[in-house]
Amino acid sequence: MAQISIKKAHGKWSIRAGGAVLGETTNALALLEEGHAPVIYFPASDVATAFLERSSTRTHCPHKGDATHFSIVTKSTTLQDAVWSYETPNADLDAVKGYLAFYPSDQVFVEQI
């Protein structure tokens, strides 16, 4: 099994997409998985979820569980499946329940500020 740990992501974190700030938080979590770059998870309560639209995409990770995906809808475009959430994660990763993670791209920016 892959080594996975979750820790508080210190400092203030921001998520921007389509030229807008979708969220800022001091309560982010960093998920560290062996062989992968750290992933920052934002509490859903700190994200403007009105810009997110649930998609039909579902993925499965044997270590984390089933992920639900969301698209980011901006004034000019829809960024398909740019966000995911483990709404019912595997028991040992329950800390990320209620959190959202974003796929960084040339239009989606996850930054420590």
PDB file of N, CA and C in Angstrom:
ATOM      1  N   MET A   1       0.841  -1.188   0.000  1.00  0.00           N
ATOM      2  CA  MET A   1       0.000   0.000   0.000  1.00  0.00           C
ATOM      3  C   MET A   1       0.879   1.242   0.000  1.00  0.00           C
ATOM      4  N   ALA A   2       0.468   2.242  -0.750  1.00  0.00           N
ATOM      5  CA  ALA A   2       1.216   3.500  -0.834  1.00  0.00           C
ATOM      6  C   ALA A   2       1.203   4.197   0.521  1.00  0.00           C
ATOM      7  N   GLN A   3       2.312   4.830   0.840  1.00  0.00           N
ATOM      8  CA  GLN A   3       2.401   5.610   2.066  1.00  0.00           C
ATOM      9  C   GLN A   3       1.704   6.944   1.827  1.00  0.00           C
ATOM     10  N   ILE A   4       0.666   7.227   2.613  1.00  0.00           N
ATOM     11  CA  ILE A   4      -0.086   8.472   2.495  1.00  0.00           C
ATOM     12  C   ILE A   4      -0.164   9.100   3.874  1.00  0.00           C
ATOM     13  N   SER A   5       0.113  10.396   3.936  1.00  0.00           N
ATOM     14  CA  SER A   5      -0.075  11.118   5.189  1.00  0.00           C
ATOM     15  C   SER A   5      -0.755  12.446   4.886  1.00  0.00           C
ATOM     16  N   ILE A   6      -1.440  12.952   5.886  1.00  0.00           N
ATOM     17  CA  ILE A   6      -2.141  14.228   5.760  1.00  0.00           C
ATOM     18  C   ILE A   6      -1.660  15.105   6.900  1.00  0.00           C
ATOM     19  N   LYS A   7      -1.298  16.346   6.550  1.00  0.00           N
ATOM     20  CA  LYS A   7      -0.868  17.291   7.586  1.00  0.00           C
ATOM     21  C   LYS A   7      -1.445  18.661   7.260  1.00  0.00           C
ATOM     22  N   LYS A   8      -1.440  19.516   8.248  1.00  0.00           N
ATOM     23  CA  LYS A   8      -1.900  20.891   8.034  1.00  0.00           C
ATOM     24  C   LYS A   8      -0.933  21.558   7.062  1.00  0.00           C
ATOM     25  N   ALA A   9      -1.483  22.255   6.080  1.00  0.00           N
ATOM     26  CA  ALA A   9      -0.659  23.041   5.141  1.00  0.00           C
ATOM     27  C   ALA A   9      -0.521  24.436   5.761  1.00  0.00           C
ATOM     28  N   HIS A  10       0.627  24.731   6.321  1.00  0.00           N
ATOM     29  CA  HIS A  10       0.822  25.975   7.054  1.00  0.00           C
ATOM     30  C   HIS A  10       0.709  27.197   6.151  1.00  0.00           C
ATOM     31  N   GLY A  11       0.243  28.285   6.717  1.00  0.00           N
ATOM     32  CA  GLY A  11       0.123  29.529   5.993  1.00  0.00           C
ATOM     33  C   GLY A  11      -1.249  29.687   5.377  1.00  0.00           C
ATOM     34  N   LYS A  12      -1.345  30.675   4.510  1.00  0.00           N
ATOM     35  CA  LYS A  12      -2.602  30.982   3.826  1.00  0.00           C
ATOM     36  C   LYS A  12      -2.499  30.510   2.380  1.00  0.00           C
ATOM     37  N   TRP A  13      -3.541  29.842   1.902  1.00  0.00           N
ATOM     38  CA  TRP A  13      -3.574  29.277   0.560  1.00  0.00           C
ATOM     39  C   TRP A  13      -4.711  29.891  -0.239  1.00  0.00           C
ATOM     40  N   SER A  14      -4.500  30.011  -1.539  1.00  0.00           N
ATOM     41  CA  SER A  14      -5.472  30.604  -2.446  1.00  0.00           C
ATOM     42  C   SER A  14      -5.681  29.687  -3.645  1.00  0.00           C
ATOM     43  N   ILE A  15      -6.913  29.692  -4.143  1.00  0.00           N
ATOM     44  CA  ILE A  15      -7.222  28.997  -5.390  1.00  0.00           C
ATOM     45  C   ILE A  15      -7.824  30.035  -6.333  1.00  0.00           C
ATOM     46  N   ARG A  16      -7.235  30.141  -7.535  1.00  0.00           N
ATOM     47  CA  ARG A  16      -7.720  31.082  -8.543  1.00  0.00           C
ATOM     48  C   ARG A  16      -7.997  30.330  -9.836  1.00  0.00           C
ATOM     49  N   ALA A  17      -9.062  30.752 -10.511  1.00  0.00           N
ATOM     50  CA  ALA A  17      -9.397  30.174 -11.819  1.00  0.00           C
ATOM     51  C   ALA A  17     -10.185  31.205 -12.608  1.00  0.00           C
ATOM     52  N   GLY A  18      -9.940  31.266 -13.898  1.00  0.00           N
ATOM     53  CA  GLY A  18     -10.676  32.180 -14.753  1.00  0.00           C
ATOM     54  C   GLY A  18     -10.549  33.624 -14.328  1.00  0.00           C
ATOM     55  N   GLY A  19      -9.414  33.977 -13.722  1.00  0.00           N
ATOM     56  CA  GLY A  19      -9.191  35.348 -13.291  1.00  0.00           C
ATOM     57  C   GLY A  19      -9.847  35.712 -11.975  1.00  0.00           C
ATOM     58  N   ALA A  20     -10.513  34.772 -11.329  1.00  0.00           N
ATOM     59  CA  ALA A  20     -11.201  35.046 -10.064  1.00  0.00           C
ATOM     60  C   ALA A  20     -10.607  34.210  -8.938  1.00  0.00           C
ATOM     61  N   VAL A  21     -10.634  34.759  -7.740  1.00  0.00           N
ATOM     62  CA  VAL A  21     -10.243  33.995  -6.555  1.00  0.00           C
ATOM     63  C   VAL A  21     -11.452  33.171  -6.131  1.00  0.00           C
ATOM     64  N   LEU A  22     -11.290  31.863  -6.141  1.00  0.00           N
ATOM     65  CA  LEU A  22     -12.389  30.974  -5.754  1.00  0.00           C
ATOM     66  C   LEU A  22     -12.385  30.668  -4.265  1.00  0.00           C
ATOM     67  N   GLY A  23     -11.229  30.878  -3.640  1.00  0.00           N
ATOM     68  CA  GLY A  23     -11.166  30.607  -2.214  1.00  0.00           C
ATOM     69  C   GLY A  23      -9.815  30.952  -1.629  1.00  0.00           C
ATOM     70  N   GLU A  24      -9.849  31.251  -0.342  1.00  0.00           N
ATOM     71  CA  GLU A  24      -8.641  31.457   0.446  1.00  0.00           C
ATOM     72  C   GLU A  24      -8.867  30.783   1.782  1.00  0.00           C
ATOM     73  N   THR A  25      -7.803  30.202   2.328  1.00  0.00           N
ATOM     74  CA  THR A  25      -7.958  29.509   3.601  1.00  0.00           C
ATOM     75  C   THR A  25      -6.644  29.447   4.358  1.00  0.00           C
ATOM     76  N   THR A  26      -6.772  29.383   5.659  1.00  0.00           N
ATOM     77  CA  THR A  26      -5.628  29.072   6.527  1.00  0.00           C
ATOM     78  C   THR A  26      -5.823  27.675   7.110  1.00  0.00           C
ATOM     79  N   ASN A  27      -6.825  26.957   6.597  1.00  0.00           N
ATOM     80  CA  ASN A  27      -7.158  25.614   7.100  1.00  0.00           C
ATOM     81  C   ASN A  27      -6.945  24.526   6.055  1.00  0.00           C
ATOM     82  N   ALA A  28      -6.039  24.757   5.120  1.00  0.00           N
ATOM     83  CA  ALA A  28      -5.766  23.762   4.075  1.00  0.00           C
ATOM     84  C   ALA A  28      -5.042  22.552   4.662  1.00  0.00           C
ATOM     85  N   LEU A  29      -5.200  21.440   3.983  1.00  0.00           N
ATOM     86  CA  LEU A  29      -4.483  20.211   4.318  1.00  0.00           C
ATOM     87  C   LEU A  29      -3.586  19.835   3.150  1.00  0.00           C
ATOM     88  N   ALA A  30      -2.441  19.264   3.469  1.00  0.00           N
ATOM     89  CA  ALA A  30      -1.537  18.740   2.445  1.00  0.00           C
ATOM     90  C   ALA A  30      -1.586  17.219   2.520  1.00  0.00           C
ATOM     91  N   LEU A  31      -1.946  16.587   1.396  1.00  0.00           N
ATOM     92  CA  LEU A  31      -1.938  15.139   1.317  1.00  0.00           C
ATOM     93  C   LEU A  31      -0.641  14.738   0.641  1.00  0.00           C
ATOM     94  N   LEU A  32       0.148  13.959   1.339  1.00  0.00           N
ATOM     95  CA  LEU A  32       1.449  13.522   0.842  1.00  0.00           C
ATOM     96  C   LEU A  32       1.365  12.041   0.529  1.00  0.00           C
ATOM     97  N   GLU A  33       1.588  11.710  -0.739  1.00  0.00           N
ATOM     98  CA  GLU A  33       1.512  10.325  -1.186  1.00  0.00           C
ATOM     99  C   GLU A  33       2.821   9.961  -1.855  1.00  0.00           C
ATOM    100  N   GLU A  34       3.379   8.870  -1.428  1.00  0.00           N
ATOM    101  CA  GLU A  34       4.655   8.397  -1.954  1.00  0.00           C
ATOM    102  C   GLU A  34       4.646   8.381  -3.480  1.00  0.00           C
ATOM    103  N   GLY A  35       5.638   9.035  -4.096  1.00  0.00           N
ATOM    104  CA  GLY A  35       5.764   9.051  -5.546  1.00  0.00           C
ATOM    105  C   GLY A  35       4.975  10.139  -6.242  1.00  0.00           C
ATOM    106  N   HIS A  36       4.288  11.015  -5.473  1.00  0.00           N
ATOM    107  CA  HIS A  36       3.471  12.085  -6.052  1.00  0.00           C
ATOM    108  C   HIS A  36       3.797  13.410  -5.381  1.00  0.00           C
ATOM    109  N   ALA A  37       3.555  14.488  -6.106  1.00  0.00           N
ATOM    110  CA  ALA A  37       3.711  15.820  -5.523  1.00  0.00           C
ATOM    111  C   ALA A  37       2.624  16.015  -4.461  1.00  0.00           C
ATOM    112  N   PRO A  38       2.896  16.811  -3.425  1.00  0.00           N
ATOM    113  CA  PRO A  38       1.862  17.076  -2.421  1.00  0.00           C
ATOM    114  C   PRO A  38       0.629  17.718  -3.066  1.00  0.00           C
ATOM    115  N   VAL A  39      -0.536  17.383  -2.560  1.00  0.00           N
ATOM    116  CA  VAL A  39      -1.794  17.951  -3.050  1.00  0.00           C
ATOM    117  C   VAL A  39      -2.421  18.741  -1.909  1.00  0.00           C
ATOM    118  N   ILE A  40      -2.786  19.989  -2.209  1.00  0.00           N
ATOM    119  CA  ILE A  40      -3.414  20.850  -1.217  1.00  0.00           C
ATOM    120  C   ILE A  40      -4.931  20.694  -1.310  1.00  0.00           C
ATOM    121  N   TYR A  41      -5.557  20.438  -0.180  1.00  0.00           N
ATOM    122  CA  TYR A  41      -7.007  20.296  -0.072  1.00  0.00           C
ATOM    123  C   TYR A  41      -7.566  21.494   0.677  1.00  0.00           C
ATOM    124  N   PHE A  42      -8.595  22.118   0.102  1.00  0.00           N
ATOM    125  CA  PHE A  42      -9.248  23.287   0.672  1.00  0.00           C
ATOM    126  C   PHE A  42     -10.557  22.871   1.331  1.00  0.00           C
ATOM    127  N   PRO A  43     -10.851  23.389   2.529  1.00  0.00           N
ATOM    128  CA  PRO A  43     -12.185  23.128   3.093  1.00  0.00           C
ATOM    129  C   PRO A  43     -13.245  23.673   2.137  1.00  0.00           C
ATOM    130  N   ALA A  44     -14.255  22.898   1.841  1.00  0.00           N
ATOM    131  CA  ALA A  44     -15.308  23.356   0.929  1.00  0.00           C
ATOM    132  C   ALA A  44     -15.950  24.643   1.431  1.00  0.00           C
ATOM    133  N   SER A  45     -15.988  24.825   2.746  1.00  0.00           N
ATOM    134  CA  SER A  45     -16.589  26.030   3.321  1.00  0.00           C
ATOM    135  C   SER A  45     -15.788  27.291   3.011  1.00  0.00           C
ATOM    136  N   ASP A  46     -14.534  27.140   2.571  1.00  0.00           N
ATOM    137  CA  ASP A  46     -13.682  28.284   2.225  1.00  0.00           C
ATOM    138  C   ASP A  46     -13.568  28.496   0.720  1.00  0.00           C
ATOM    139  N   VAL A  47     -14.390  27.803  -0.053  1.00  0.00           N
ATOM    140  CA  VAL A  47     -14.373  27.896  -1.518  1.00  0.00           C
ATOM    141  C   VAL A  47     -15.739  28.384  -2.000  1.00  0.00           C
ATOM    142  N   ALA A  48     -15.726  29.250  -3.014  1.00  0.00           N
ATOM    143  CA  ALA A  48     -16.978  29.737  -3.613  1.00  0.00           C
ATOM    144  C   ALA A  48     -17.547  28.612  -4.480  1.00  0.00           C
ATOM    145  N   THR A  49     -18.251  27.700  -3.838  1.00  0.00           N
ATOM    146  CA  THR A  49     -18.745  26.512  -4.530  1.00  0.00           C
ATOM    147  C   THR A  49     -19.821  26.823  -5.560  1.00  0.00           C
ATOM    148  N   ALA A  50     -20.337  28.050  -5.582  1.00  0.00           N
ATOM    149  CA  ALA A  50     -21.307  28.439  -6.609  1.00  0.00           C
ATOM    150  C   ALA A  50     -20.678  28.355  -8.006  1.00  0.00           C
ATOM    151  N   PHE A  51     -19.340  28.414  -8.079  1.00  0.00           N
ATOM    152  CA  PHE A  51     -18.636  28.312  -9.364  1.00  0.00           C
ATOM    153  C   PHE A  51     -18.362  26.864  -9.764  1.00  0.00           C
ATOM    154  N   LEU A  52     -18.729  25.925  -8.909  1.00  0.00           N
ATOM    155  CA  LEU A  52     -18.463  24.505  -9.181  1.00  0.00           C
ATOM    156  C   LEU A  52     -19.737  23.805  -9.607  1.00  0.00           C
ATOM    157  N   GLU A  53     -19.590  22.957 -10.611  1.00  0.00           N
ATOM    158  CA  GLU A  53     -20.715  22.173 -11.111  1.00  0.00           C
ATOM    159  C   GLU A  53     -20.313  20.702 -11.070  1.00  0.00           C
ATOM    160  N   ARG A  54     -21.078  19.912 -10.341  1.00  0.00           N
ATOM    161  CA  ARG A  54     -20.781  18.469 -10.229  1.00  0.00           C
ATOM    162  C   ARG A  54     -20.829  17.847 -11.616  1.00  0.00           C
ATOM    163  N   SER A  55     -19.832  17.051 -11.942  1.00  0.00           N
ATOM    164  CA  SER A  55     -19.818  16.362 -13.230  1.00  0.00           C
ATOM    165  C   SER A  55     -20.160  14.892 -13.021  1.00  0.00           C
ATOM    166  N   SER A  56     -20.287  14.180 -14.105  1.00  0.00           N
ATOM    167  CA  SER A  56     -20.592  12.750 -14.010  1.00  0.00           C
ATOM    168  C   SER A  56     -19.327  11.915 -13.815  1.00  0.00           C
ATOM    169  N   THR A  57     -18.162  12.554 -13.837  1.00  0.00           N
ATOM    170  CA  THR A  57     -16.898  11.822 -13.706  1.00  0.00           C
ATOM    171  C   THR A  57     -16.701  11.328 -12.277  1.00  0.00           C
ATOM    172  N   ARG A  58     -16.371  10.058 -12.168  1.00  0.00           N
ATOM    173  CA  ARG A  58     -16.019   9.439 -10.892  1.00  0.00           C
ATOM    174  C   ARG A  58     -14.724   8.669 -11.122  1.00  0.00           C
ATOM    175  N   THR A  59     -13.822   8.749 -10.180  1.00  0.00           N
ATOM    176  CA  THR A  59     -12.594   7.962 -10.269  1.00  0.00           C
ATOM    177  C   THR A  59     -12.422   7.202  -8.960  1.00  0.00           C
ATOM    178  N   HIS A  60     -11.610   6.165  -9.017  1.00  0.00           N
ATOM    179  CA  HIS A  60     -11.375   5.346  -7.823  1.00  0.00           C
ATOM    180  C   HIS A  60      -9.881   5.212  -7.575  1.00  0.00           C
ATOM    181  N   CYS A  61      -9.485   5.454  -6.352  1.00  0.00           N
ATOM    182  CA  CYS A  61      -8.124   5.191  -5.901  1.00  0.00           C
ATOM    183  C   CYS A  61      -8.218   4.112  -4.829  1.00  0.00           C
ATOM    184  N   PRO A  62      -7.470   3.020  -4.976  1.00  0.00           N
ATOM    185  CA  PRO A  62      -7.585   1.955  -3.984  1.00  0.00           C
ATOM    186  C   PRO A  62      -7.153   2.400  -2.582  1.00  0.00           C
ATOM    187  N   HIS A  63      -6.370   3.465  -2.492  1.00  0.00           N
ATOM    188  CA  HIS A  63      -5.873   3.934  -1.201  1.00  0.00           C
ATOM    189  C   HIS A  63      -6.759   5.007  -0.578  1.00  0.00           C
ATOM    190  N   LYS A  64      -7.393   5.821  -1.426  1.00  0.00           N
ATOM    191  CA  LYS A  64      -8.166   6.950  -0.908  1.00  0.00           C
ATOM    192  C   LYS A  64      -9.676   6.749  -1.022  1.00  0.00           C
ATOM    193  N   GLY A  65     -10.128   6.008  -2.013  1.00  0.00           N
ATOM    194  CA  GLY A  65     -11.557   5.775  -2.188  1.00  0.00           C
ATOM    195  C   GLY A  65     -12.057   6.341  -3.504  1.00  0.00           C
ATOM    196  N   ASP A  66     -13.351   6.624  -3.559  1.00  0.00           N
ATOM    197  CA  ASP A  66     -13.996   7.131  -4.775  1.00  0.00           C
ATOM    198  C   ASP A  66     -14.031   8.656  -4.744  1.00  0.00           C
ATOM    199  N   ALA A  67     -13.610   9.263  -5.855  1.00  0.00           N
ATOM    200  CA  ALA A  67     -13.595  10.722  -5.963  1.00  0.00           C
ATOM    201  C   ALA A  67     -14.718  11.197  -6.868  1.00  0.00           C
ATOM    202  N   THR A  68     -15.398  12.237  -6.419  1.00  0.00           N
ATOM    203  CA  THR A  68     -16.390  12.949  -7.208  1.00  0.00           C
ATOM    204  C   THR A  68     -15.688  14.137  -7.842  1.00  0.00           C
ATOM    205  N   HIS A  69     -16.015  14.440  -9.083  1.00  0.00           N
ATOM    206  CA  HIS A  69     -15.360  15.550  -9.786  1.00  0.00           C
ATOM    207  C   HIS A  69     -16.338  16.688 -10.053  1.00  0.00           C
ATOM    208  N   PHE A  70     -15.762  17.879 -10.178  1.00  0.00           N
ATOM    209  CA  PHE A  70     -16.526  19.096 -10.430  1.00  0.00           C
ATOM    210  C   PHE A  70     -15.825  19.895 -11.516  1.00  0.00           C
ATOM    211  N   SER A  71     -16.607  20.630 -12.286  1.00  0.00           N
ATOM    212  CA  SER A  71     -16.060  21.574 -13.256  1.00  0.00           C
ATOM    213  C   SER A  71     -16.169  22.970 -12.661  1.00  0.00           C
ATOM    214  N   ILE A  72     -15.236  23.832 -13.043  1.00  0.00           N
ATOM    215  CA  ILE A  72     -15.274  25.225 -12.624  1.00  0.00           C
ATOM    216  C   ILE A  72     -15.928  26.011 -13.762  1.00  0.00           C
ATOM    217  N   VAL A  73     -17.006  26.707 -13.449  1.00  0.00           N
ATOM    218  CA  VAL A  73     -17.731  27.482 -14.444  1.00  0.00           C
ATOM    219  C   VAL A  73     -17.397  28.966 -14.225  1.00  0.00           C
ATOM    220  N   THR A  74     -16.694  29.566 -15.195  1.00  0.00           N
ATOM    221  CA  THR A  74     -16.341  30.982 -15.111  1.00  0.00           C
ATOM    222  C   THR A  74     -17.173  31.755 -16.140  1.00  0.00           C
ATOM    223  N   LYS A  75     -17.013  33.066 -16.170  1.00  0.00           N
ATOM    224  CA  LYS A  75     -17.754  33.886 -17.135  1.00  0.00           C
ATOM    225  C   LYS A  75     -17.432  33.492 -18.569  1.00  0.00           C
ATOM    226  N   SER A  76     -16.167  33.095 -18.818  1.00  0.00           N
ATOM    227  CA  SER A  76     -15.734  32.864 -20.189  1.00  0.00           C
ATOM    228  C   SER A  76     -15.597  31.402 -20.587  1.00  0.00           C
ATOM    229  N   THR A  77     -15.518  30.492 -19.621  1.00  0.00           N
ATOM    230  CA  THR A  77     -15.258  29.095 -19.981  1.00  0.00           C
ATOM    231  C   THR A  77     -15.700  28.154 -18.865  1.00  0.00           C
ATOM    232  N   THR A  78     -15.747  26.879 -19.196  1.00  0.00           N
ATOM    233  CA  THR A  78     -15.956  25.829 -18.205  1.00  0.00           C
ATOM    234  C   THR A  78     -14.696  24.968 -18.188  1.00  0.00           C
ATOM    235  N   LEU A  79     -14.091  24.859 -17.026  1.00  0.00           N
ATOM    236  CA  LEU A  79     -12.887  24.050 -16.855  1.00  0.00           C
ATOM    237  C   LEU A  79     -13.339  22.676 -16.376  1.00  0.00           C
ATOM    238  N   GLN A  80     -13.437  21.765 -17.332  1.00  0.00           N
ATOM    239  CA  GLN A  80     -14.024  20.444 -17.096  1.00  0.00           C
ATOM    240  C   GLN A  80     -13.208  19.624 -16.103  1.00  0.00           C
ATOM    241  N   ASP A  81     -13.884  19.060 -15.106  1.00  0.00           N
ATOM    242  CA  ASP A  81     -13.287  18.135 -14.135  1.00  0.00           C
ATOM    243  C   ASP A  81     -12.001  18.688 -13.510  1.00  0.00           C
ATOM    244  N   ALA A  82     -12.015  19.957 -13.137  1.00  0.00           N
ATOM    245  CA  ALA A  82     -10.830  20.618 -12.580  1.00  0.00           C
ATOM    246  C   ALA A  82     -10.705  20.441 -11.071  1.00  0.00           C
ATOM    247  N   VAL A  83     -11.720  19.858 -10.446  1.00  0.00           N
ATOM    248  CA  VAL A  83     -11.778  19.741  -8.988  1.00  0.00           C
ATOM    249  C   VAL A  83     -12.221  18.329  -8.637  1.00  0.00           C
ATOM    250  N   TRP A  84     -11.707  17.833  -7.509  1.00  0.00           N
ATOM    251  CA  TRP A  84     -12.209  16.549  -7.026  1.00  0.00           C
ATOM    252  C   TRP A  84     -12.346  16.577  -5.515  1.00  0.00           C
ATOM    253  N   SER A  85     -13.152  15.636  -5.027  1.00  0.00           N
ATOM    254  CA  SER A  85     -13.396  15.513  -3.600  1.00  0.00           C
ATOM    255  C   SER A  85     -13.649  14.048  -3.269  1.00  0.00           C
ATOM    256  N   TYR A  86     -13.079  13.617  -2.154  1.00  0.00           N
ATOM    257  CA  TYR A  86     -13.388  12.289  -1.624  1.00  0.00           C
ATOM    258  C   TYR A  86     -14.495  12.492  -0.592  1.00  0.00           C
ATOM    259  N   GLU A  87     -15.737  12.366  -1.042  1.00  0.00           N
ATOM    260  CA  GLU A  87     -16.875  12.632  -0.163  1.00  0.00           C
ATOM    261  C   GLU A  87     -17.031  11.558   0.908  1.00  0.00           C
ATOM    262  N   THR A  88     -16.621  10.343   0.577  1.00  0.00           N
ATOM    263  CA  THR A  88     -16.598   9.254   1.558  1.00  0.00           C
ATOM    264  C   THR A  88     -15.258   8.530   1.416  1.00  0.00           C
ATOM    265  N   PRO A  89     -14.178   9.168   1.904  1.00  0.00           N
ATOM    266  CA  PRO A  89     -12.853   8.576   1.747  1.00  0.00           C
ATOM    267  C   PRO A  89     -12.703   7.308   2.585  1.00  0.00           C
ATOM    268  N   ASN A  90     -11.677   6.532   2.255  1.00  0.00           N
ATOM    269  CA  ASN A  90     -11.358   5.374   3.070  1.00  0.00           C
ATOM    270  C   ASN A  90     -11.111   5.840   4.502  1.00  0.00           C
ATOM    271  N   ALA A  91     -11.406   4.994   5.455  1.00  0.00           N
ATOM    272  CA  ALA A  91     -11.428   5.370   6.876  1.00  0.00           C
ATOM    273  C   ALA A  91     -10.151   6.064   7.355  1.00  0.00           C
ATOM    274  N   ASP A  92      -8.991   5.609   6.921  1.00  0.00           N
ATOM    275  CA  ASP A  92      -7.754   6.201   7.426  1.00  0.00           C
ATOM    276  C   ASP A  92      -7.447   7.563   6.806  1.00  0.00           C
ATOM    277  N   LEU A  93      -8.268   8.016   5.848  1.00  0.00           N
ATOM    278  CA  LEU A  93      -8.074   9.333   5.226  1.00  0.00           C
ATOM    279  C   LEU A  93      -9.302  10.223   5.427  1.00  0.00           C
ATOM    280  N   ASP A  94     -10.044   9.948   6.477  1.00  0.00           N
ATOM    281  CA  ASP A  94     -11.268  10.679   6.753  1.00  0.00           C
ATOM    282  C   ASP A  94     -11.044  12.185   6.919  1.00  0.00           C
ATOM    283  N   ALA A  95      -9.811  12.612   7.187  1.00  0.00           N
ATOM    284  CA  ALA A  95      -9.507  14.038   7.382  1.00  0.00           C
ATOM    285  C   ALA A  95      -9.833  14.871   6.146  1.00  0.00           C
ATOM    286  N   VAL A  96      -9.811  14.283   4.934  1.00  0.00           N
ATOM    287  CA  VAL A  96     -10.074  15.070   3.717  1.00  0.00           C
ATOM    288  C   VAL A  96     -11.567  15.121   3.360  1.00  0.00           C
ATOM    289  N   LYS A  97     -12.405  14.491   4.142  1.00  0.00           N
ATOM    290  CA  LYS A  97     -13.850  14.564   3.896  1.00  0.00           C
ATOM    291  C   LYS A  97     -14.285  16.013   4.071  1.00  0.00           C
ATOM    292  N   GLY A  98     -15.054  16.530   3.101  1.00  0.00           N
ATOM    293  CA  GLY A  98     -15.492  17.919   3.154  1.00  0.00           C
ATOM    294  C   GLY A  98     -14.469  18.889   2.582  1.00  0.00           C
ATOM    295  N   TYR A  99     -13.432  18.360   1.948  1.00  0.00           N
ATOM    296  CA  TYR A  99     -12.382  19.182   1.342  1.00  0.00           C
ATOM    297  C   TYR A  99     -12.393  18.998  -0.169  1.00  0.00           C
ATOM    298  N   LEU A 100     -11.870  19.995  -0.867  1.00  0.00           N
ATOM    299  CA  LEU A 100     -11.773  19.987  -2.328  1.00  0.00           C
ATOM    300  C   LEU A 100     -10.319  20.137  -2.740  1.00  0.00           C
ATOM    301  N   ALA A 101      -9.932  19.419  -3.787  1.00  0.00           N
ATOM    302  CA  ALA A 101      -8.600  19.552  -4.372  1.00  0.00           C
ATOM    303  C   ALA A 101      -8.760  19.977  -5.827  1.00  0.00           C
ATOM    304  N   PHE A 102      -7.768  20.702  -6.324  1.00  0.00           N
ATOM    305  CA  PHE A 102      -7.833  21.298  -7.655  1.00  0.00           C
ATOM    306  C   PHE A 102      -6.662  20.818  -8.496  1.00  0.00           C
ATOM    307  N   TYR A 103      -6.934  20.514  -9.772  1.00  0.00           N
ATOM    308  CA  TYR A 103      -5.870  20.168 -10.706  1.00  0.00           C
ATOM    309  C   TYR A 103      -5.225  21.464 -11.180  1.00  0.00           C
ATOM    310  N   PRO A 104      -3.990  21.760 -10.772  1.00  0.00           N
ATOM    311  CA  PRO A 104      -3.332  22.976 -11.268  1.00  0.00           C
ATOM    312  C   PRO A 104      -3.139  22.892 -12.785  1.00  0.00           C
ATOM    313  N   SER A 105      -3.306  24.026 -13.449  1.00  0.00           N
ATOM    314  CA  SER A 105      -3.143  24.082 -14.904  1.00  0.00           C
ATOM    315  C   SER A 105      -2.769  25.506 -15.277  1.00  0.00           C
ATOM    316  N   ASP A 106      -2.805  25.788 -16.569  1.00  0.00           N
ATOM    317  CA  ASP A 106      -2.522  27.158 -17.007  1.00  0.00           C
ATOM    318  C   ASP A 106      -3.691  28.090 -16.698  1.00  0.00           C
ATOM    319  N   GLN A 107      -4.806  27.547 -16.178  1.00  0.00           N
ATOM    320  CA  GLN A 107      -5.962  28.360 -15.823  1.00  0.00           C
ATOM    321  C   GLN A 107      -6.397  28.197 -14.372  1.00  0.00           C
ATOM    322  N   VAL A 108      -5.815  27.241 -13.677  1.00  0.00           N
ATOM    323  CA  VAL A 108      -6.156  26.972 -12.277  1.00  0.00           C
ATOM    324  C   VAL A 108      -4.862  27.055 -11.464  1.00  0.00           C
ATOM    325  N   PHE A 109      -4.872  27.934 -10.450  1.00  0.00           N
ATOM    326  CA  PHE A 109      -3.654  28.186  -9.684  1.00  0.00           C
ATOM    327  C   PHE A 109      -3.903  27.948  -8.200  1.00  0.00           C
ATOM    328  N   VAL A 110      -3.127  27.025  -7.632  1.00  0.00           N
ATOM    329  CA  VAL A 110      -3.136  26.758  -6.193  1.00  0.00           C
ATOM    330  C   VAL A 110      -1.850  27.372  -5.664  1.00  0.00           C
ATOM    331  N   GLU A 111      -1.990  28.374  -4.766  1.00  0.00           N
ATOM    332  CA  GLU A 111      -0.809  29.109  -4.332  1.00  0.00           C
ATOM    333  C   GLU A 111      -0.816  29.369  -2.834  1.00  0.00           C
ATOM    334  N   GLN A 112       0.359  29.316  -2.252  1.00  0.00           N
ATOM    335  CA  GLN A 112       0.520  29.773  -0.877  1.00  0.00           C
ATOM    336  C   GLN A 112       0.757  31.275  -0.953  1.00  0.00           C
ATOM    337  N   ILE A 113      -0.004  32.050  -0.172  1.00  0.00           N
ATOM    338  CA  ILE A 113       0.117  33.523  -0.248  1.00  0.00           C
ATOM    339  C   ILE A 113       0.571  34.111   1.071  1.00  0.00           C
TER     340      ILE A 113
END
